[in-house]
């Protein structure tokens, strides 16, 4: 099954104490790279989140965002920071005395000072909290996977269409190839006849030898056979089931491009050269699409 490396999934889950929202965005990447962004206090769940994603992402970069909204007070404890409050009061008293200032130092003033009252995370059951976070991430991962599969199906459809276009070009080259040596022989014979102007006999054996040398140098049969094999393999990869094929397709497209370049350099024929330019353009389009496949 072809999957796209790009996608987005969102999941939300609540256990009555906290509401967790997970969003996952994936983009193209040569390897698997998963980055989790979440409150530091819940970092104990990070490896479990990565484990969930590794089950569906074999290639690509994933940015995971986790937001935890506490519905109850169970996870938060507000505490008085006594040392800080003591220093504030002492300094305010000194300030009042030093400058003979009016006014009282009351609770409203002291409690409004920074860090006097602190909300301290108080997660009692990490396993319980991790389970809620992971449930939201599982839902997000399922939605992400569905999107990647849908996008992958569209990519496969486009690539199969381009494979057929490329096949047609190769068919045209294969039909043209046998005529190249024959036309070369005829042109060589006509050229020599034009030069000697029937003053001497044209050495038939010599012309045939030159034609044979040309035919051997410009023979592209092996390259066409390999190219056809690559095209068939491309179709099998795109329509097959099993492990991700993105890296295999990368390599296959490189080999197709290599054969196309060899055919273009050996053909010595304008028509085949023109066909190969079209073929290379299709290979480049295929290569661009393959970059999106897991």
Protein backbone atom coordinates (compact mmCIF):
# COMPACT_ATOMS: atom_id res chain seq x y z
CA UNK A 1 0.00 0.00 0.00
CA UNK A 2 1.34 3.39 -1.03
CA UNK A 3 1.28 6.04 1.70
CA UNK A 4 2.11 9.70 1.44
CA UNK A 5 4.67 11.08 3.89
CA UNK A 6 2.64 14.28 4.30
CA UNK A 7 -0.49 14.43 6.41
CA UNK A 8 -2.28 15.79 9.46
CA UNK A 9 -4.22 14.15 12.26
CA UNK A 10 -6.01 15.47 15.33
CA UNK A 11 -7.28 13.57 18.35
CA UNK A 12 -9.07 14.67 21.51
CA UNK A 13 -9.84 12.60 24.61
CA UNK A 14 -11.11 13.34 28.12
CA UNK A 15 -11.32 11.17 31.23
CA UNK A 16 -13.38 13.67 33.25
CA UNK A 17 -10.31 15.04 35.04
CA UNK A 18 -8.36 16.37 32.10
CA UNK A 19 -8.91 17.02 28.41
CA UNK A 20 -6.05 16.15 26.04
CA UNK A 21 -5.67 17.43 22.49
CA UNK A 22 -3.05 15.90 20.21
CA UNK A 23 -2.15 17.18 16.73
CA UNK A 24 0.30 15.45 14.41
CA UNK A 25 1.76 16.96 11.25
CA UNK A 26 4.05 14.94 8.98
CA UNK A 27 6.26 16.07 6.09
CA UNK A 28 8.83 14.49 3.79
CA UNK A 29 12.07 13.29 5.33
CA UNK A 30 14.76 10.84 4.33
CA UNK A 31 14.47 8.94 7.60
CA UNK A 32 12.02 8.69 10.52
CA UNK A 33 12.13 11.73 12.81
CA UNK A 34 9.51 12.27 15.53
CA UNK A 35 9.50 15.46 17.61
CA UNK A 36 7.08 15.76 20.55
CA UNK A 37 6.14 19.14 22.02
CA UNK A 38 4.25 18.97 25.32
CA UNK A 39 4.33 20.43 28.86
CA UNK A 40 7.50 19.35 30.63
CA UNK A 41 5.53 17.95 33.56
CA UNK A 42 4.10 15.26 31.27
CA UNK A 43 7.39 14.31 29.62
CA UNK A 44 7.12 10.82 31.14
CA UNK A 45 4.64 10.02 28.36
CA UNK A 46 6.93 11.08 25.50
CA UNK A 47 8.45 7.68 24.69
CA UNK A 48 5.02 6.04 24.70
CA UNK A 49 3.80 8.66 22.22
CA UNK A 50 6.79 8.00 19.95
CA UNK A 51 6.10 4.28 20.18
CA UNK A 52 2.54 4.84 18.94
CA UNK A 53 3.74 6.85 15.94
CA UNK A 54 6.53 4.43 15.04
CA UNK A 55 3.82 1.85 14.54
CA UNK A 56 2.40 3.78 11.56
CA UNK A 57 5.24 6.04 10.39
CA UNK A 58 8.15 4.25 8.74
CA UNK A 59 9.57 7.29 6.97
CA UNK A 60 9.02 11.03 7.34
CA UNK A 61 9.24 13.80 9.90
CA UNK A 62 6.43 14.09 12.46
CA UNK A 63 5.78 17.10 14.68
CA UNK A 64 3.51 16.15 17.60
CA UNK A 65 1.80 18.79 19.73
CA UNK A 66 0.12 17.74 22.99
CA UNK A 67 -2.07 20.10 25.04
CA UNK A 68 -3.39 19.00 28.44
CA UNK A 69 -6.28 20.99 29.94
CA UNK A 70 -7.04 20.18 33.58
CA UNK A 71 -10.78 20.07 34.23
CA UNK A 72 -10.48 19.43 37.97
CA UNK A 73 -7.99 20.56 40.60
CA UNK A 74 -6.49 17.11 40.96
CA UNK A 75 -3.25 17.84 39.16
CA UNK A 76 -2.52 21.27 40.67
CA UNK A 77 -1.52 22.31 44.19
CA UNK A 78 -1.15 26.01 45.11
CA UNK A 79 1.51 26.55 47.77
CA UNK A 80 2.86 29.52 49.68
CA UNK A 81 6.53 30.21 49.01
CA UNK A 82 7.46 31.22 52.59
CA UNK A 83 11.11 32.27 51.99
CA UNK A 84 10.09 34.56 49.13
CA UNK A 85 7.19 36.08 51.10
CA UNK A 86 9.49 36.67 54.11
CA UNK A 87 12.02 38.55 51.99
CA UNK A 88 9.30 40.69 50.37
CA UNK A 89 7.90 41.69 53.76
CA UNK A 90 11.35 42.43 55.22
CA UNK A 91 12.30 44.56 52.23
CA UNK A 92 8.99 46.44 52.23
CA UNK A 93 9.39 47.21 55.93
CA UNK A 94 12.92 48.45 55.36
CA UNK A 95 11.72 50.56 52.40
CA UNK A 96 8.96 52.10 54.54
CA UNK A 97 11.37 52.88 57.39
CA UNK A 98 14.20 54.18 55.21
CA UNK A 99 12.03 56.66 53.32
CA UNK A 100 9.37 57.26 56.01
CA UNK A 101 6.58 56.09 53.74
CA UNK A 102 2.93 55.85 54.68
CA UNK A 103 0.74 52.81 54.15
CA UNK A 104 0.35 49.30 55.50
CA UNK A 105 1.93 46.08 54.33
CA UNK A 106 -1.15 43.86 53.97
CA UNK A 107 -2.00 40.46 52.53
CA UNK A 108 -3.27 41.86 49.24
CA UNK A 109 0.08 43.52 48.58
CA UNK A 110 2.26 40.59 49.62
CA UNK A 111 0.20 37.94 47.81
CA UNK A 112 0.38 39.90 44.55
CA UNK A 113 4.17 39.76 44.54
CA UNK A 114 5.74 37.37 41.98
CA UNK A 115 6.29 33.77 43.12
CA UNK A 116 4.70 34.24 46.56
CA UNK A 117 1.92 31.84 45.59
CA UNK A 118 2.90 29.08 43.17
CA UNK A 119 0.80 26.52 41.30
CA UNK A 120 2.82 23.32 41.59
CA UNK A 121 2.10 20.32 39.35
CA UNK A 122 0.96 17.40 41.46
CA UNK A 123 0.52 14.41 39.20
CA UNK A 124 -0.24 11.52 41.53
CA UNK A 125 -0.72 8.72 38.99
CA UNK A 126 1.60 8.97 35.97
CA UNK A 127 0.20 5.79 34.43
CA UNK A 128 -3.33 7.20 34.52
CA UNK A 129 -2.30 10.50 32.95
CA UNK A 130 -0.10 8.79 30.34
CA UNK A 131 -3.02 6.55 29.34
CA UNK A 132 -5.23 9.60 28.68
CA UNK A 133 -2.50 11.36 26.68
CA UNK A 134 -1.75 8.23 24.65
CA UNK A 135 -5.45 7.71 23.87
CA UNK A 136 -5.63 11.20 22.33
CA UNK A 137 -2.42 10.49 20.40
CA UNK A 138 -3.78 7.16 19.13
CA UNK A 139 -6.87 8.92 17.77
CA UNK A 140 -4.68 11.56 16.11
CA UNK A 141 -2.43 8.83 14.66
CA UNK A 142 -5.43 6.97 13.21
CA UNK A 143 -6.69 10.14 11.51
CA UNK A 144 -3.19 10.89 10.26
CA UNK A 145 -2.81 7.39 8.82
CA UNK A 146 -6.17 7.62 7.03
CA UNK A 147 -5.10 10.88 5.40
CA UNK A 148 -1.71 9.48 4.39
CA UNK A 149 -3.40 6.45 2.81
CA UNK A 150 -5.83 8.66 0.86
CA UNK A 151 -2.99 10.86 -0.36
CA UNK A 152 -0.93 7.78 -1.18
CA UNK A 153 -3.74 6.40 -3.36
CA UNK A 154 -3.80 9.65 -5.34
CA UNK A 155 -0.02 9.54 -5.74
CA UNK A 156 -0.15 5.93 -6.94
CA UNK A 157 -2.87 6.80 -9.47
CA UNK A 158 -0.82 9.67 -10.88
CA UNK A 159 2.38 7.61 -10.99
CA UNK A 160 0.67 4.71 -12.77
CA UNK A 161 -0.60 7.16 -15.38
CA UNK A 162 2.92 8.54 -15.85
CA UNK A 163 4.33 5.02 -16.01
CA UNK A 164 2.00 4.30 -18.94
CA UNK A 165 3.08 7.52 -20.66
CA UNK A 166 6.71 6.54 -20.18
CA UNK A 167 5.94 3.05 -21.51
CA UNK A 168 4.48 4.55 -24.69
CA UNK A 169 7.65 6.58 -25.23
CA UNK A 170 9.83 3.49 -24.77
CA UNK A 171 7.61 1.57 -27.22
CA UNK A 172 8.21 4.32 -29.78
CA UNK A 173 11.98 4.18 -29.23
CA UNK A 174 11.97 0.39 -29.55
CA UNK A 175 10.09 0.60 -32.84
CA UNK A 176 12.48 3.24 -34.15
CA UNK A 177 15.77 1.64 -33.04
CA UNK A 178 16.07 -1.07 -35.78
CA UNK A 179 15.71 1.56 -38.50
CA UNK A 180 18.62 3.71 -37.33
CA UNK A 181 21.44 1.47 -38.64
CA UNK A 182 19.60 0.85 -41.92
CA UNK A 183 19.11 4.58 -42.54
CA UNK A 184 22.74 5.24 -41.62
CA UNK A 185 23.89 2.69 -44.21
CA UNK A 186 21.72 4.25 -46.90
CA UNK A 187 22.94 7.76 -46.08
CA UNK A 188 26.56 6.62 -46.03
CA UNK A 189 26.21 4.92 -49.40
CA UNK A 190 24.49 8.01 -50.89
CA UNK A 191 27.14 10.33 -49.50
CA UNK A 192 30.03 8.32 -50.87
CA UNK A 193 28.32 8.04 -54.25
CA UNK A 194 27.86 11.82 -54.28
CA UNK A 195 31.56 12.34 -53.56
CA UNK A 196 32.99 9.89 -56.11
CA UNK A 197 30.36 10.77 -58.76
CA UNK A 198 30.40 7.26 -60.25
CA UNK A 199 34.09 7.63 -61.16
CA UNK A 200 35.05 4.58 -59.11
CA UNK A 201 33.28 1.55 -57.80
CA UNK A 202 31.96 1.90 -54.28
CA UNK A 203 33.53 -0.73 -51.99
CA UNK A 204 30.43 -2.53 -50.72
CA UNK A 205 32.31 -4.48 -48.05
CA UNK A 206 33.79 -1.30 -46.62
CA UNK A 207 30.38 0.36 -46.35
CA UNK A 208 28.91 -2.70 -44.66
CA UNK A 209 31.83 -2.75 -42.21
CA UNK A 210 31.30 0.90 -41.32
CA UNK A 211 27.58 0.28 -40.95
CA UNK A 212 28.23 -2.68 -38.66
CA UNK A 213 30.55 -0.61 -36.47
CA UNK A 214 27.92 2.13 -36.25
CA UNK A 215 25.17 -0.39 -35.47
CA UNK A 216 27.25 -1.88 -32.66
CA UNK A 217 28.03 1.51 -31.11
CA UNK A 218 24.44 2.71 -31.32
CA UNK A 219 22.79 -0.55 -30.22
CA UNK A 220 20.43 0.17 -27.33
CA UNK A 221 18.79 -3.24 -27.00
CA UNK A 222 20.24 -3.98 -23.54
CA UNK A 223 19.25 -0.58 -22.22
CA UNK A 224 15.69 -0.99 -23.53
CA UNK A 225 15.39 -4.43 -21.92
CA UNK A 226 16.54 -3.06 -18.57
CA UNK A 227 14.27 -0.04 -18.92
CA UNK A 228 11.27 -2.30 -19.57
CA UNK A 229 12.19 -4.33 -16.50
CA UNK A 230 12.31 -1.15 -14.41
CA UNK A 231 8.91 -0.06 -15.74
CA UNK A 232 7.36 -3.40 -14.80
CA UNK A 233 8.92 -3.22 -11.35
CA UNK A 234 7.59 0.31 -10.90
CA UNK A 235 4.08 -0.99 -11.59
CA UNK A 236 4.49 -3.84 -9.08
CA UNK A 237 5.70 -1.45 -6.38
CA UNK A 238 2.82 0.94 -6.95
CA UNK A 239 0.14 -1.76 -6.91
CA UNK A 240 1.63 -4.07 -4.30
CA UNK A 241 0.97 -4.51 -0.61
CA UNK A 242 3.46 -4.75 2.24
CA UNK A 243 6.37 -2.69 3.47
CA UNK A 244 6.92 0.97 2.49
CA UNK A 245 8.50 1.25 -0.95
CA UNK A 246 9.61 4.89 -1.02
CA UNK A 247 13.34 4.15 -0.78
CA UNK A 248 13.07 1.35 -3.34
CA UNK A 249 11.30 3.71 -5.71
CA UNK A 250 14.04 6.31 -5.19
CA UNK A 251 16.65 3.80 -6.31
CA UNK A 252 14.51 2.52 -9.18
CA UNK A 253 14.02 6.03 -10.59
CA UNK A 254 17.79 6.60 -10.46
CA UNK A 255 18.31 3.44 -12.52
CA UNK A 256 15.63 4.46 -15.02
CA UNK A 257 17.31 7.83 -15.44
CA UNK A 258 20.69 6.12 -15.91
CA UNK A 259 19.35 3.92 -18.72
CA UNK A 260 17.63 6.89 -20.35
CA UNK A 261 20.89 8.86 -20.36
CA UNK A 262 22.75 5.92 -21.91
CA UNK A 263 20.15 5.51 -24.65
CA UNK A 264 20.29 9.22 -25.41
CA UNK A 265 24.08 9.19 -25.72
CA UNK A 266 24.25 6.03 -27.86
CA UNK A 267 21.33 6.48 -30.23
CA UNK A 268 22.84 9.00 -32.71
CA UNK A 269 19.33 9.61 -33.98
CA UNK A 270 17.36 12.82 -33.70
CA UNK A 271 14.02 11.07 -33.35
CA UNK A 272 15.21 8.83 -30.52
CA UNK A 273 16.96 11.78 -28.87
CA UNK A 274 13.70 13.73 -28.97
CA UNK A 275 11.86 10.77 -27.44
CA UNK A 276 14.46 10.48 -24.69
CA UNK A 277 14.04 14.14 -23.80
CA UNK A 278 10.33 13.45 -23.31
CA UNK A 279 11.17 10.32 -21.34
CA UNK A 280 13.55 12.18 -19.03
CA UNK A 281 10.89 14.84 -18.45
CA UNK A 282 8.47 12.10 -17.35
CA UNK A 283 11.13 10.49 -15.15
CA UNK A 284 11.67 13.83 -13.42
CA UNK A 285 7.92 14.18 -12.79
CA UNK A 286 7.85 10.65 -11.41
CA UNK A 287 10.88 11.39 -9.22
CA UNK A 288 9.21 14.48 -7.75
CA UNK A 289 6.12 12.48 -6.82
CA UNK A 290 8.16 9.61 -5.40
CA UNK A 291 9.73 12.05 -2.93
CA UNK A 292 6.31 12.18 -1.23
CA UNK A 293 5.99 8.42 -0.77
CA UNK A 294 6.77 6.70 2.50
